[in-house]
ModelCIF file with pLDDT and N, C-alpha, C, O atoms, coordinates in Angstrom:
data_MODEL
#
_entry.id   MODEL 
#
_entity.id                         1 
_entity.type                       polymer 
_entity.pdbx_number_of_molecules   1 
#
_entity_poly.entity_id                      1 
_entity_poly.type                           'polypeptide(L)' 
_entity_poly.nstd_linkage                   no 
_entity_poly.nstd_monomer                   no 
_entity_poly.pdbx_seq_one_letter_code       
;(UNK)(UNK)(UNK)(UNK)(UNK)(UNK)(UNK)(UNK)(UNK)(UNK)(UNK)(UNK)(UNK)(UNK)(UNK)(UNK)
(UNK)(UNK)(UNK)(UNK)(UNK)(UNK)(UNK)(UNK)(UNK)(UNK)(UNK)(UNK)(UNK)(UNK)(UNK)(UNK)
(UNK)(UNK)(UNK)(UNK)(UNK)(UNK)(UNK)(UNK)(UNK)(UNK)(UNK)(UNK)(UNK)(UNK)(UNK)
;
_entity_poly.pdbx_seq_one_letter_code_can   XXXXXXXXXXXXXXXXXXXXXXXXXXXXXXXXXXXXXXXXXXXXXXX 
_entity_poly.pdbx_strand_id                 A 
#
loop_
_entity_poly_seq.entity_id 
_entity_poly_seq.num 
_entity_poly_seq.mon_id 
_entity_poly_seq.hetero 
1 1  UNK n 
1 2  UNK n 
1 3  UNK n 
1 4  UNK n 
1 5  UNK n 
1 6  UNK n 
1 7  UNK n 
1 8  UNK n 
1 9  UNK n 
1 10 UNK n 
1 11 UNK n 
1 12 UNK n 
1 13 UNK n 
1 14 UNK n 
1 15 UNK n 
1 16 UNK n 
1 17 UNK n 
1 18 UNK n 
1 19 UNK n 
1 20 UNK n 
1 21 UNK n 
1 22 UNK n 
1 23 UNK n 
1 24 UNK n 
1 25 UNK n 
1 26 UNK n 
1 27 UNK n 
1 28 UNK n 
1 29 UNK n 
1 30 UNK n 
1 31 UNK n 
1 32 UNK n 
1 33 UNK n 
1 34 UNK n 
1 35 UNK n 
1 36 UNK n 
1 37 UNK n 
1 38 UNK n 
1 39 UNK n 
1 40 UNK n 
1 41 UNK n 
1 42 UNK n 
1 43 UNK n 
1 44 UNK n 
1 45 UNK n 
1 46 UNK n 
1 47 UNK n 
#
_struct_asym.id          A 
_struct_asym.entity_id   1 
#
loop_
_ma_qa_metric.id 
_ma_qa_metric.mode 
_ma_qa_metric.name 
_ma_qa_metric.software_group_id 
_ma_qa_metric.type 
1 global pLDDT . pLDDT 
2 local  pLDDT . pLDDT 
#
_ma_qa_metric_global.metric_id      1 
_ma_qa_metric_global.metric_value   95.83 
_ma_qa_metric_global.model_id       1 
_ma_qa_metric_global.ordinal_id     1 
#
loop_
_ma_qa_metric_local.label_asym_id 
_ma_qa_metric_local.label_comp_id 
_ma_qa_metric_local.label_seq_id 
_ma_qa_metric_local.metric_id 
_ma_qa_metric_local.metric_value 
_ma_qa_metric_local.model_id 
_ma_qa_metric_local.ordinal_id 
A UNK 1  2 93.00 1 1  
A UNK 2  2 96.00 1 2  
A UNK 3  2 98.00 1 3  
A UNK 4  2 98.00 1 4  
A UNK 5  2 98.00 1 5  
A UNK 6  2 97.00 1 6  
A UNK 7  2 94.00 1 7  
A UNK 8  2 95.00 1 8  
A UNK 9  2 94.00 1 9  
A UNK 10 2 97.00 1 10 
A UNK 11 2 97.00 1 11 
A UNK 12 2 95.00 1 12 
A UNK 13 2 95.00 1 13 
A UNK 14 2 96.00 1 14 
A UNK 15 2 96.00 1 15 
A UNK 16 2 97.00 1 16 
A UNK 17 2 97.00 1 17 
A UNK 18 2 97.00 1 18 
A UNK 19 2 97.00 1 19 
A UNK 20 2 98.00 1 20 
A UNK 21 2 97.00 1 21 
A UNK 22 2 97.00 1 22 
A UNK 23 2 97.00 1 23 
A UNK 24 2 96.00 1 24 
A UNK 25 2 98.00 1 25 
A UNK 26 2 98.00 1 26 
A UNK 27 2 98.00 1 27 
A UNK 28 2 98.00 1 28 
A UNK 29 2 97.00 1 29 
A UNK 30 2 97.00 1 30 
A UNK 31 2 97.00 1 31 
A UNK 32 2 95.00 1 32 
A UNK 33 2 94.00 1 33 
A UNK 34 2 93.00 1 34 
A UNK 35 2 93.00 1 35 
A UNK 36 2 93.00 1 36 
A UNK 37 2 93.00 1 37 
A UNK 38 2 93.00 1 38 
A UNK 39 2 95.00 1 39 
A UNK 40 2 94.00 1 40 
A UNK 41 2 96.00 1 41 
A UNK 42 2 94.00 1 42 
A UNK 43 2 95.00 1 43 
A UNK 44 2 96.00 1 44 
A UNK 45 2 95.00 1 45 
A UNK 46 2 94.00 1 46 
A UNK 47 2 96.00 1 47 
#
loop_
_atom_site.group_PDB 
_atom_site.id 
_atom_site.type_symbol 
_atom_site.label_atom_id 
_atom_site.label_alt_id 
_atom_site.label_comp_id 
_atom_site.label_asym_id 
_atom_site.label_entity_id 
_atom_site.label_seq_id 
_atom_site.pdbx_PDB_ins_code 
_atom_site.Cartn_x 
_atom_site.Cartn_y 
_atom_site.Cartn_z 
_atom_site.occupancy 
_atom_site.B_iso_or_equiv 
_atom_site.pdbx_formal_charge 
_atom_site.auth_seq_id 
_atom_site.auth_comp_id 
_atom_site.auth_asym_id 
_atom_site.auth_atom_id 
_atom_site.pdbx_PDB_model_num 
ATOM 1   N N  . UNK A 1 1  ? -26.138 -12.015 -12.979 1.00 93.00 ? 1  UNK A N  1 
ATOM 2   C CA . UNK A 1 1  ? -25.161 -10.999 -12.587 1.00 93.00 ? 1  UNK A CA 1 
ATOM 3   C C  . UNK A 1 1  ? -23.724 -11.462 -12.870 1.00 93.00 ? 1  UNK A C  1 
ATOM 4   O O  . UNK A 1 1  ? -23.378 -12.630 -12.689 1.00 93.00 ? 1  UNK A O  1 
ATOM 5   N N  . UNK A 1 2  ? -22.907 -10.510 -13.316 1.00 96.00 ? 2  UNK A N  1 
ATOM 6   C CA . UNK A 1 2  ? -21.555 -10.826 -13.756 1.00 96.00 ? 2  UNK A CA 1 
ATOM 7   C C  . UNK A 1 2  ? -20.543 -9.885  -13.114 1.00 96.00 ? 2  UNK A C  1 
ATOM 8   O O  . UNK A 1 2  ? -20.771 -8.679  -13.013 1.00 96.00 ? 2  UNK A O  1 
ATOM 9   N N  . UNK A 1 3  ? -19.420 -10.458 -12.681 1.00 98.00 ? 3  UNK A N  1 
ATOM 10  C CA . UNK A 1 3  ? -18.304 -9.702  -12.113 1.00 98.00 ? 3  UNK A CA 1 
ATOM 11  C C  . UNK A 1 3  ? -17.025 -10.111 -12.830 1.00 98.00 ? 3  UNK A C  1 
ATOM 12  O O  . UNK A 1 3  ? -16.786 -11.295 -13.066 1.00 98.00 ? 3  UNK A O  1 
ATOM 13  N N  . UNK A 1 4  ? -16.207 -9.121  -13.175 1.00 98.00 ? 4  UNK A N  1 
ATOM 14  C CA . UNK A 1 4  ? -14.907 -9.371  -13.793 1.00 98.00 ? 4  UNK A CA 1 
ATOM 15  C C  . UNK A 1 4  ? -13.787 -9.066  -12.819 1.00 98.00 ? 4  UNK A C  1 
ATOM 16  O O  . UNK A 1 4  ? -13.800 -8.037  -12.142 1.00 98.00 ? 4  UNK A O  1 
ATOM 17  N N  . UNK A 1 5  ? -12.813 -9.972  -12.752 1.00 98.00 ? 5  UNK A N  1 
ATOM 18  C CA . UNK A 1 5  ? -11.571 -9.701  -12.043 1.00 98.00 ? 5  UNK A CA 1 
ATOM 19  C C  . UNK A 1 5  ? -10.460 -9.739  -13.079 1.00 98.00 ? 5  UNK A C  1 
ATOM 20  O O  . UNK A 1 5  ? -10.086 -10.802 -13.575 1.00 98.00 ? 5  UNK A O  1 
ATOM 21  N N  . UNK A 1 6  ? -9.940  -8.557  -13.397 1.00 97.00 ? 6  UNK A N  1 
ATOM 22  C CA . UNK A 1 6  ? -8.848  -8.439  -14.357 1.00 97.00 ? 6  UNK A CA 1 
ATOM 23  C C  . UNK A 1 6  ? -7.528  -8.440  -13.605 1.00 97.00 ? 6  UNK A C  1 
ATOM 24  O O  . UNK A 1 6  ? -7.358  -7.702  -12.634 1.00 97.00 ? 6  UNK A O  1 
ATOM 25  N N  . UNK A 1 7  ? -6.595  -9.270  -14.054 1.00 94.00 ? 7  UNK A N  1 
ATOM 26  C CA . UNK A 1 7  ? -5.322  -9.363  -13.356 1.00 94.00 ? 7  UNK A CA 1 
ATOM 27  C C  . UNK A 1 7  ? -4.199  -8.617  -14.066 1.00 94.00 ? 7  UNK A C  1 
ATOM 28  O O  . UNK A 1 7  ? -3.228  -8.219  -13.422 1.00 94.00 ? 7  UNK A O  1 
ATOM 29  N N  . UNK A 1 8  ? -4.308  -8.419  -15.372 1.00 95.00 ? 8  UNK A N  1 
ATOM 30  C CA . UNK A 1 8  ? -3.276  -7.665  -16.088 1.00 95.00 ? 8  UNK A CA 1 
ATOM 31  C C  . UNK A 1 8  ? -3.585  -6.173  -15.979 1.00 95.00 ? 8  UNK A C  1 
ATOM 32  O O  . UNK A 1 8  ? -4.732  -5.770  -16.168 1.00 95.00 ? 8  UNK A O  1 
ATOM 33  N N  . UNK A 1 9  ? -2.582  -5.349  -15.677 1.00 94.00 ? 9  UNK A N  1 
ATOM 34  C CA . UNK A 1 9  ? -2.837  -3.913  -15.475 1.00 94.00 ? 9  UNK A CA 1 
ATOM 35  C C  . UNK A 1 9  ? -3.405  -3.183  -16.693 1.00 94.00 ? 9  UNK A C  1 
ATOM 36  O O  . UNK A 1 9  ? -3.969  -2.100  -16.539 1.00 94.00 ? 9  UNK A O  1 
ATOM 37  N N  . UNK A 1 10 ? -3.274  -3.738  -17.885 1.00 97.00 ? 10 UNK A N  1 
ATOM 38  C CA . UNK A 1 10 ? -3.790  -3.054  -19.076 1.00 97.00 ? 10 UNK A CA 1 
ATOM 39  C C  . UNK A 1 10 ? -5.311  -2.893  -19.039 1.00 97.00 ? 10 UNK A C  1 
ATOM 40  O O  . UNK A 1 10 ? -5.857  -2.042  -19.741 1.00 97.00 ? 10 UNK A O  1 
ATOM 41  N N  . UNK A 1 11 ? -5.995  -3.693  -18.235 1.00 97.00 ? 11 UNK A N  1 
ATOM 42  C CA . UNK A 1 11 ? -7.455  -3.604  -18.130 1.00 97.00 ? 11 UNK A CA 1 
ATOM 43  C C  . UNK A 1 11 ? -7.907  -2.451  -17.241 1.00 97.00 ? 11 UNK A C  1 
ATOM 44  O O  . UNK A 1 11 ? -9.076  -2.065  -17.277 1.00 97.00 ? 11 UNK A O  1 
ATOM 45  N N  . UNK A 1 12 ? -7.006  -1.903  -16.452 1.00 95.00 ? 12 UNK A N  1 
ATOM 46  C CA . UNK A 1 12 ? -7.350  -0.814  -15.541 1.00 95.00 ? 12 UNK A CA 1 
ATOM 47  C C  . UNK A 1 12 ? -7.426  0.493   -16.339 1.00 95.00 ? 12 UNK A C  1 
ATOM 48  O O  . UNK A 1 12 ? -6.463  1.255   -16.416 1.00 95.00 ? 12 UNK A O  1 
ATOM 49  N N  . UNK A 1 13 ? -8.602  0.725   -16.929 1.00 95.00 ? 13 UNK A N  1 
ATOM 50  C CA . UNK A 1 13 ? -8.777  1.828   -17.864 1.00 95.00 ? 13 UNK A CA 1 
ATOM 51  C C  . UNK A 1 13 ? -10.212 2.337   -17.783 1.00 95.00 ? 13 UNK A C  1 
ATOM 52  O O  . UNK A 1 13 ? -11.142 1.553   -17.587 1.00 95.00 ? 13 UNK A O  1 
ATOM 53  N N  . UNK A 1 14 ? -10.393 3.639   -17.931 1.00 96.00 ? 14 UNK A N  1 
ATOM 54  C CA . UNK A 1 14 ? -11.732 4.231   -17.845 1.00 96.00 ? 14 UNK A CA 1 
ATOM 55  C C  . UNK A 1 14 ? -12.696 3.632   -18.867 1.00 96.00 ? 14 UNK A C  1 
ATOM 56  O O  . UNK A 1 14 ? -13.865 3.411   -18.551 1.00 96.00 ? 14 UNK A O  1 
ATOM 57  N N  . UNK A 1 15 ? -12.221 3.364   -20.100 1.00 96.00 ? 15 UNK A N  1 
ATOM 58  C CA . UNK A 1 15 ? -13.115 2.800   -21.110 1.00 96.00 ? 15 UNK A CA 1 
ATOM 59  C C  . UNK A 1 15 ? -13.636 1.441   -20.660 1.00 96.00 ? 15 UNK A C  1 
ATOM 60  O O  . UNK A 1 15 ? -14.823 1.150   -20.807 1.00 96.00 ? 15 UNK A O  1 
ATOM 61  N N  . UNK A 1 16 ? -12.759 0.615   -20.115 1.00 97.00 ? 16 UNK A N  1 
ATOM 62  C CA . UNK A 1 16 ? -13.168 -0.718  -19.633 1.00 97.00 ? 16 UNK A CA 1 
ATOM 63  C C  . UNK A 1 16 ? -14.194 -0.558  -18.527 1.00 97.00 ? 16 UNK A C  1 
ATOM 64  O O  . UNK A 1 16 ? -15.217 -1.243  -18.527 1.00 97.00 ? 16 UNK A O  1 
ATOM 65  N N  . UNK A 1 17 ? -13.934 0.339   -17.585 1.00 97.00 ? 17 UNK A N  1 
ATOM 66  C CA . UNK A 1 17 ? -14.865 0.548   -16.473 1.00 97.00 ? 17 UNK A CA 1 
ATOM 67  C C  . UNK A 1 17 ? -16.210 1.052   -16.976 1.00 97.00 ? 17 UNK A C  1 
ATOM 68  O O  . UNK A 1 17 ? -17.251 0.603   -16.497 1.00 97.00 ? 17 UNK A O  1 
ATOM 69  N N  . UNK A 1 18 ? -16.209 1.979   -17.936 1.00 97.00 ? 18 UNK A N  1 
ATOM 70  C CA . UNK A 1 18 ? -17.456 2.487   -18.505 1.00 97.00 ? 18 UNK A CA 1 
ATOM 71  C C  . UNK A 1 18 ? -18.208 1.387   -19.237 1.00 97.00 ? 18 UNK A C  1 
ATOM 72  O O  . UNK A 1 18 ? -19.433 1.311   -19.154 1.00 97.00 ? 18 UNK A O  1 
ATOM 73  N N  . UNK A 1 19 ? -17.483 0.534   -19.952 1.00 97.00 ? 19 UNK A N  1 
ATOM 74  C CA . UNK A 1 19 ? -18.117 -0.562  -20.694 1.00 97.00 ? 19 UNK A CA 1 
ATOM 75  C C  . UNK A 1 19 ? -18.769 -1.552  -19.726 1.00 97.00 ? 19 UNK A C  1 
ATOM 76  O O  . UNK A 1 19 ? -19.880 -2.022  -19.970 1.00 97.00 ? 19 UNK A O  1 
ATOM 77  N N  . UNK A 1 20 ? -18.076 -1.867  -18.629 1.00 98.00 ? 20 UNK A N  1 
ATOM 78  C CA . UNK A 1 20 ? -18.670 -2.749  -17.619 1.00 98.00 ? 20 UNK A CA 1 
ATOM 79  C C  . UNK A 1 20 ? -19.933 -2.116  -17.055 1.00 98.00 ? 20 UNK A C  1 
ATOM 80  O O  . UNK A 1 20 ? -20.965 -2.775  -16.925 1.00 98.00 ? 20 UNK A O  1 
ATOM 81  N N  . UNK A 1 21 ? -19.842 -0.831  -16.721 1.00 97.00 ? 21 UNK A N  1 
ATOM 82  C CA . UNK A 1 21 ? -20.990 -0.130  -16.166 1.00 97.00 ? 21 UNK A CA 1 
ATOM 83  C C  . UNK A 1 21 ? -22.173 -0.130  -17.109 1.00 97.00 ? 21 UNK A C  1 
ATOM 84  O O  . UNK A 1 21 ? -23.306 -0.348  -16.680 1.00 97.00 ? 21 UNK A O  1 
ATOM 85  N N  . UNK A 1 22 ? -21.930 0.110   -18.388 1.00 97.00 ? 22 UNK A N  1 
ATOM 86  C CA . UNK A 1 22 ? -23.009 0.122   -19.373 1.00 97.00 ? 22 UNK A CA 1 
ATOM 87  C C  . UNK A 1 22 ? -23.684 -1.242  -19.482 1.00 97.00 ? 22 UNK A C  1 
ATOM 88  O O  . UNK A 1 22 ? -24.877 -1.337  -19.771 1.00 97.00 ? 22 UNK A O  1 
ATOM 89  N N  . UNK A 1 23 ? -22.907 -2.291  -19.247 1.00 97.00 ? 23 UNK A N  1 
ATOM 90  C CA . UNK A 1 23 ? -23.455 -3.653  -19.325 1.00 97.00 ? 23 UNK A CA 1 
ATOM 91  C C  . UNK A 1 23 ? -24.006 -4.131  -17.981 1.00 97.00 ? 23 UNK A C  1 
ATOM 92  O O  . UNK A 1 23 ? -24.584 -5.215  -17.901 1.00 97.00 ? 23 UNK A O  1 
ATOM 93  N N  . UNK A 1 24 ? -23.833 -3.329  -16.925 1.00 96.00 ? 24 UNK A N  1 
ATOM 94  C CA . UNK A 1 24 ? -24.306 -3.743  -15.609 1.00 96.00 ? 24 UNK A CA 1 
ATOM 95  C C  . UNK A 1 24 ? -23.418 -4.779  -14.949 1.00 96.00 ? 24 UNK A C  1 
ATOM 96  O O  . UNK A 1 24 ? -23.854 -5.475  -14.032 1.00 96.00 ? 24 UNK A O  1 
ATOM 97  N N  . UNK A 1 25 ? -22.177 -4.890  -15.400 1.00 98.00 ? 25 UNK A N  1 
ATOM 98  C CA . UNK A 1 25 ? -21.230 -5.859  -14.828 1.00 98.00 ? 25 UNK A CA 1 
ATOM 99  C C  . UNK A 1 25 ? -20.379 -5.173  -13.761 1.00 98.00 ? 25 UNK A C  1 
ATOM 100 O O  . UNK A 1 25 ? -20.023 -4.002  -13.892 1.00 98.00 ? 25 UNK A O  1 
ATOM 101 N N  . UNK A 1 26 ? -20.065 -5.909  -12.721 1.00 98.00 ? 26 UNK A N  1 
ATOM 102 C CA . UNK A 1 26 ? -19.255 -5.373  -11.629 1.00 98.00 ? 26 UNK A CA 1 
ATOM 103 C C  . UNK A 1 26 ? -17.780 -5.610  -11.888 1.00 98.00 ? 26 UNK A C  1 
ATOM 104 O O  . UNK A 1 26 ? -17.388 -6.577  -12.542 1.00 98.00 ? 26 UNK A O  1 
ATOM 105 N N  . UNK A 1 27 ? -16.976 -4.707  -11.362 1.00 98.00 ? 27 UNK A N  1 
ATOM 106 C CA . UNK A 1 27 ? -15.530 -4.850  -11.380 1.00 98.00 ? 27 UNK A CA 1 
ATOM 107 C C  . UNK A 1 27 ? -15.099 -5.367  -10.012 1.00 98.00 ? 27 UNK A C  1 
ATOM 108 O O  . UNK A 1 27 ? -15.415 -4.760  -8.989  1.00 98.00 ? 27 UNK A O  1 
ATOM 109 N N  . UNK A 1 28 ? -14.386 -6.474  -9.991  1.00 98.00 ? 28 UNK A N  1 
ATOM 110 C CA . UNK A 1 28 ? -13.865 -7.022  -8.746  1.00 98.00 ? 28 UNK A CA 1 
ATOM 111 C C  . UNK A 1 28 ? -12.691 -6.179  -8.273  1.00 98.00 ? 28 UNK A C  1 
ATOM 112 O O  . UNK A 1 28 ? -11.768 -5.893  -9.036  1.00 98.00 ? 28 UNK A O  1 
ATOM 113 N N  . UNK A 1 29 ? -12.735 -5.787  -7.012  1.00 97.00 ? 29 UNK A N  1 
ATOM 114 C CA . UNK A 1 29 ? -11.637 -5.057  -6.380  1.00 97.00 ? 29 UNK A CA 1 
ATOM 115 C C  . UNK A 1 29 ? -10.857 -6.081  -5.563  1.00 97.00 ? 29 UNK A C  1 
ATOM 116 O O  . UNK A 1 29 ? -11.404 -6.707  -4.655  1.00 97.00 ? 29 UNK A O  1 
ATOM 117 N N  . UNK A 1 30 ? -9.575  -6.248  -5.893  1.00 97.00 ? 30 UNK A N  1 
ATOM 118 C CA . UNK A 1 30 ? -8.765  -7.276  -5.254  1.00 97.00 ? 30 UNK A CA 1 
ATOM 119 C C  . UNK A 1 30 ? -7.628  -6.650  -4.470  1.00 97.00 ? 30 UNK A C  1 
ATOM 120 O O  . UNK A 1 30 ? -6.818  -5.903  -5.019  1.00 97.00 ? 30 UNK A O  1 
ATOM 121 N N  . UNK A 1 31 ? -7.573  -6.959  -3.187  1.00 97.00 ? 31 UNK A N  1 
ATOM 122 C CA . UNK A 1 31 ? -6.492  -6.497  -2.315  1.00 97.00 ? 31 UNK A CA 1 
ATOM 123 C C  . UNK A 1 31 ? -5.462  -7.617  -2.226  1.00 97.00 ? 31 UNK A C  1 
ATOM 124 O O  . UNK A 1 31 ? -5.727  -8.681  -1.667  1.00 97.00 ? 31 UNK A O  1 
ATOM 125 N N  . UNK A 1 32 ? -4.287  -7.360  -2.786  1.00 95.00 ? 32 UNK A N  1 
ATOM 126 C CA . UNK A 1 32 ? -3.235  -8.371  -2.840  1.00 95.00 ? 32 UNK A CA 1 
ATOM 127 C C  . UNK A 1 32 ? -2.101  -8.035  -1.873  1.00 95.00 ? 32 UNK A C  1 
ATOM 128 O O  . UNK A 1 32 ? -1.872  -6.862  -1.578  1.00 95.00 ? 32 UNK A O  1 
ATOM 129 N N  . UNK A 1 33 ? -1.394  -9.039  -1.379  1.00 94.00 ? 33 UNK A N  1 
ATOM 130 C CA . UNK A 1 33 ? -0.270  -8.779  -0.487  1.00 94.00 ? 33 UNK A CA 1 
ATOM 131 C C  . UNK A 1 33 ? 0.851   -7.985  -1.153  1.00 94.00 ? 33 UNK A C  1 
ATOM 132 O O  . UNK A 1 33 ? 1.664   -7.372  -0.461  1.00 94.00 ? 33 UNK A O  1 
ATOM 133 N N  . UNK A 1 34 ? 0.903   -7.986  -2.468  1.00 93.00 ? 34 UNK A N  1 
ATOM 134 C CA . UNK A 1 34 ? 1.956   -7.272  -3.190  1.00 93.00 ? 34 UNK A CA 1 
ATOM 135 C C  . UNK A 1 34 ? 1.679   -5.777  -3.296  1.00 93.00 ? 34 UNK A C  1 
ATOM 136 O O  . UNK A 1 34 ? 2.557   -5.022  -3.715  1.00 93.00 ? 34 UNK A O  1 
ATOM 137 N N  . UNK A 1 35 ? 0.479   -5.332  -2.924  1.00 93.00 ? 35 UNK A N  1 
ATOM 138 C CA . UNK A 1 35 ? 0.132   -3.915  -3.015  1.00 93.00 ? 35 UNK A CA 1 
ATOM 139 C C  . UNK A 1 35 ? 0.596   -3.170  -1.767  1.00 93.00 ? 35 UNK A C  1 
ATOM 140 O O  . UNK A 1 35 ? 0.459   -3.666  -0.648  1.00 93.00 ? 35 UNK A O  1 
ATOM 141 N N  . UNK A 1 36 ? 1.142   -1.981  -1.971  1.00 93.00 ? 36 UNK A N  1 
ATOM 142 C CA . UNK A 1 36 ? 1.553   -1.152  -0.838  1.00 93.00 ? 36 UNK A CA 1 
ATOM 143 C C  . UNK A 1 36 ? 0.358   -0.489  -0.163  1.00 93.00 ? 36 UNK A C  1 
ATOM 144 O O  . UNK A 1 36 ? 0.380   -0.238  1.042   1.00 93.00 ? 36 UNK A O  1 
ATOM 145 N N  . UNK A 1 37 ? -0.682  -0.207  -0.941  1.00 93.00 ? 37 UNK A N  1 
ATOM 146 C CA . UNK A 1 37 ? -1.886  0.456   -0.437  1.00 93.00 ? 37 UNK A CA 1 
ATOM 147 C C  . UNK A 1 37 ? -3.101  -0.346  -0.875  1.00 93.00 ? 37 UNK A C  1 
ATOM 148 O O  . UNK A 1 37 ? -3.044  -1.055  -1.879  1.00 93.00 ? 37 UNK A O  1 
ATOM 149 N N  . UNK A 1 38 ? -4.196  -0.245  -0.139  1.00 93.00 ? 38 UNK A N  1 
ATOM 150 C CA . UNK A 1 38 ? -5.418  -0.909  -0.604  1.00 93.00 ? 38 UNK A CA 1 
ATOM 151 C C  . UNK A 1 38 ? -5.826  -0.365  -1.967  1.00 93.00 ? 38 UNK A C  1 
ATOM 152 O O  . UNK A 1 38 ? -5.600  0.810   -2.258  1.00 93.00 ? 38 UNK A O  1 
ATOM 153 N N  . UNK A 1 39 ? -6.425  -1.206  -2.805  1.00 95.00 ? 39 UNK A N  1 
ATOM 154 C CA . UNK A 1 39 ? -6.788  -0.780  -4.153  1.00 95.00 ? 39 UNK A CA 1 
ATOM 155 C C  . UNK A 1 39 ? -7.935  0.237   -4.146  1.00 95.00 ? 39 UNK A C  1 
ATOM 156 O O  . UNK A 1 39 ? -8.730  0.309   -3.209  1.00 95.00 ? 39 UNK A O  1 
ATOM 157 N N  . UNK A 1 40 ? -7.986  1.008   -5.214  1.00 94.00 ? 40 UNK A N  1 
ATOM 158 C CA . UNK A 1 40 ? -9.076  1.952   -5.427  1.00 94.00 ? 40 UNK A CA 1 
ATOM 159 C C  . UNK A 1 40 ? -10.362 1.174   -5.674  1.00 94.00 ? 40 UNK A C  1 
ATOM 160 O O  . UNK A 1 40 ? -10.354 0.177   -6.396  1.00 94.00 ? 40 UNK A O  1 
ATOM 161 N N  . UNK A 1 41 ? -11.446 1.613   -5.091  1.00 96.00 ? 41 UNK A N  1 
ATOM 162 C CA . UNK A 1 41 ? -12.735 0.963   -5.303  1.00 96.00 ? 41 UNK A CA 1 
ATOM 163 C C  . UNK A 1 41 ? -13.475 1.709   -6.408  1.00 96.00 ? 41 UNK A C  1 
ATOM 164 O O  . UNK A 1 41 ? -13.714 2.912   -6.310  1.00 96.00 ? 41 UNK A O  1 
ATOM 165 N N  . UNK A 1 42 ? -13.830 0.980   -7.453  1.00 94.00 ? 42 UNK A N  1 
ATOM 166 C CA . UNK A 1 42 ? -14.622 1.536   -8.549  1.00 94.00 ? 42 UNK A CA 1 
ATOM 167 C C  . UNK A 1 42 ? -15.909 0.724   -8.652  1.00 94.00 ? 42 UNK A C  1 
ATOM 168 O O  . UNK A 1 42 ? -15.873 -0.482  -8.898  1.00 94.00 ? 42 UNK A O  1 
ATOM 169 N N  . UNK A 1 43 ? -17.021 1.377   -8.467  1.00 95.00 ? 43 UNK A N  1 
ATOM 170 C CA . UNK A 1 43 ? -18.319 0.709   -8.582  1.00 95.00 ? 43 UNK A CA 1 
ATOM 171 C C  . UNK A 1 43 ? -18.777 0.823   -10.027 1.00 95.00 ? 43 UNK A C  1 
ATOM 172 O O  . UNK A 1 43 ? -19.062 1.921   -10.505 1.00 95.00 ? 43 UNK A O  1 
ATOM 173 N N  . UNK A 1 44 ? -18.850 -0.298  -10.722 1.00 96.00 ? 44 UNK A N  1 
ATOM 174 C CA . UNK A 1 44 ? -19.321 -0.285  -12.110 1.00 96.00 ? 44 UNK A CA 1 
ATOM 175 C C  . UNK A 1 44 ? -20.680 -0.943  -12.251 1.00 96.00 ? 44 UNK A C  1 
ATOM 176 O O  . UNK A 1 44 ? -21.409 -0.660  -13.201 1.00 96.00 ? 44 UNK A O  1 
ATOM 177 N N  . UNK A 1 45 ? -21.027 -1.809  -11.329 1.00 95.00 ? 45 UNK A N  1 
ATOM 178 C CA . UNK A 1 45 ? -22.285 -2.540  -11.411 1.00 95.00 ? 45 UNK A CA 1 
ATOM 179 C C  . UNK A 1 45 ? -23.194 -2.172  -10.262 1.00 95.00 ? 45 UNK A C  1 
ATOM 180 O O  . UNK A 1 45 ? -22.923 -1.213  -9.539  1.00 95.00 ? 45 UNK A O  1 
ATOM 181 N N  . UNK A 1 46 ? -24.264 -2.915  -10.083 1.00 94.00 ? 46 UNK A N  1 
ATOM 182 C CA . UNK A 1 46 ? -25.230 -2.611  -9.030  1.00 94.00 ? 46 UNK A CA 1 
ATOM 183 C C  . UNK A 1 46 ? -24.785 -3.060  -7.639  1.00 94.00 ? 46 UNK A C  1 
ATOM 184 O O  . UNK A 1 46 ? -25.498 -2.830  -6.663  1.00 94.00 ? 46 UNK A O  1 
ATOM 185 N N  . UNK A 1 47 ? -23.632 -3.689  -7.536  1.00 96.00 ? 47 UNK A N  1 
ATOM 186 C CA . UNK A 1 47 ? -23.126 -4.175  -6.252  1.00 96.00 ? 47 UNK A CA 1 
ATOM 187 C C  . UNK A 1 47 ? -21.616 -4.042  -6.242  1.00 96.00 ? 47 UNK A C  1 
ATOM 188 O O  . UNK A 1 47 ? -20.971 -4.393  -5.254  1.00 96.00 ? 47 UNK A O  1 
#
């Protein structure tokens, strides 16, 4: 099982999310102190 945590905003894209989903890889959702709101949760993998 594989999970990606992308830190550069350019990775936050529907194509990337679809590609992860097709491969069964999860997208890490990271809540950072610099965010004003909790991040959006996108389920791309089985967990």
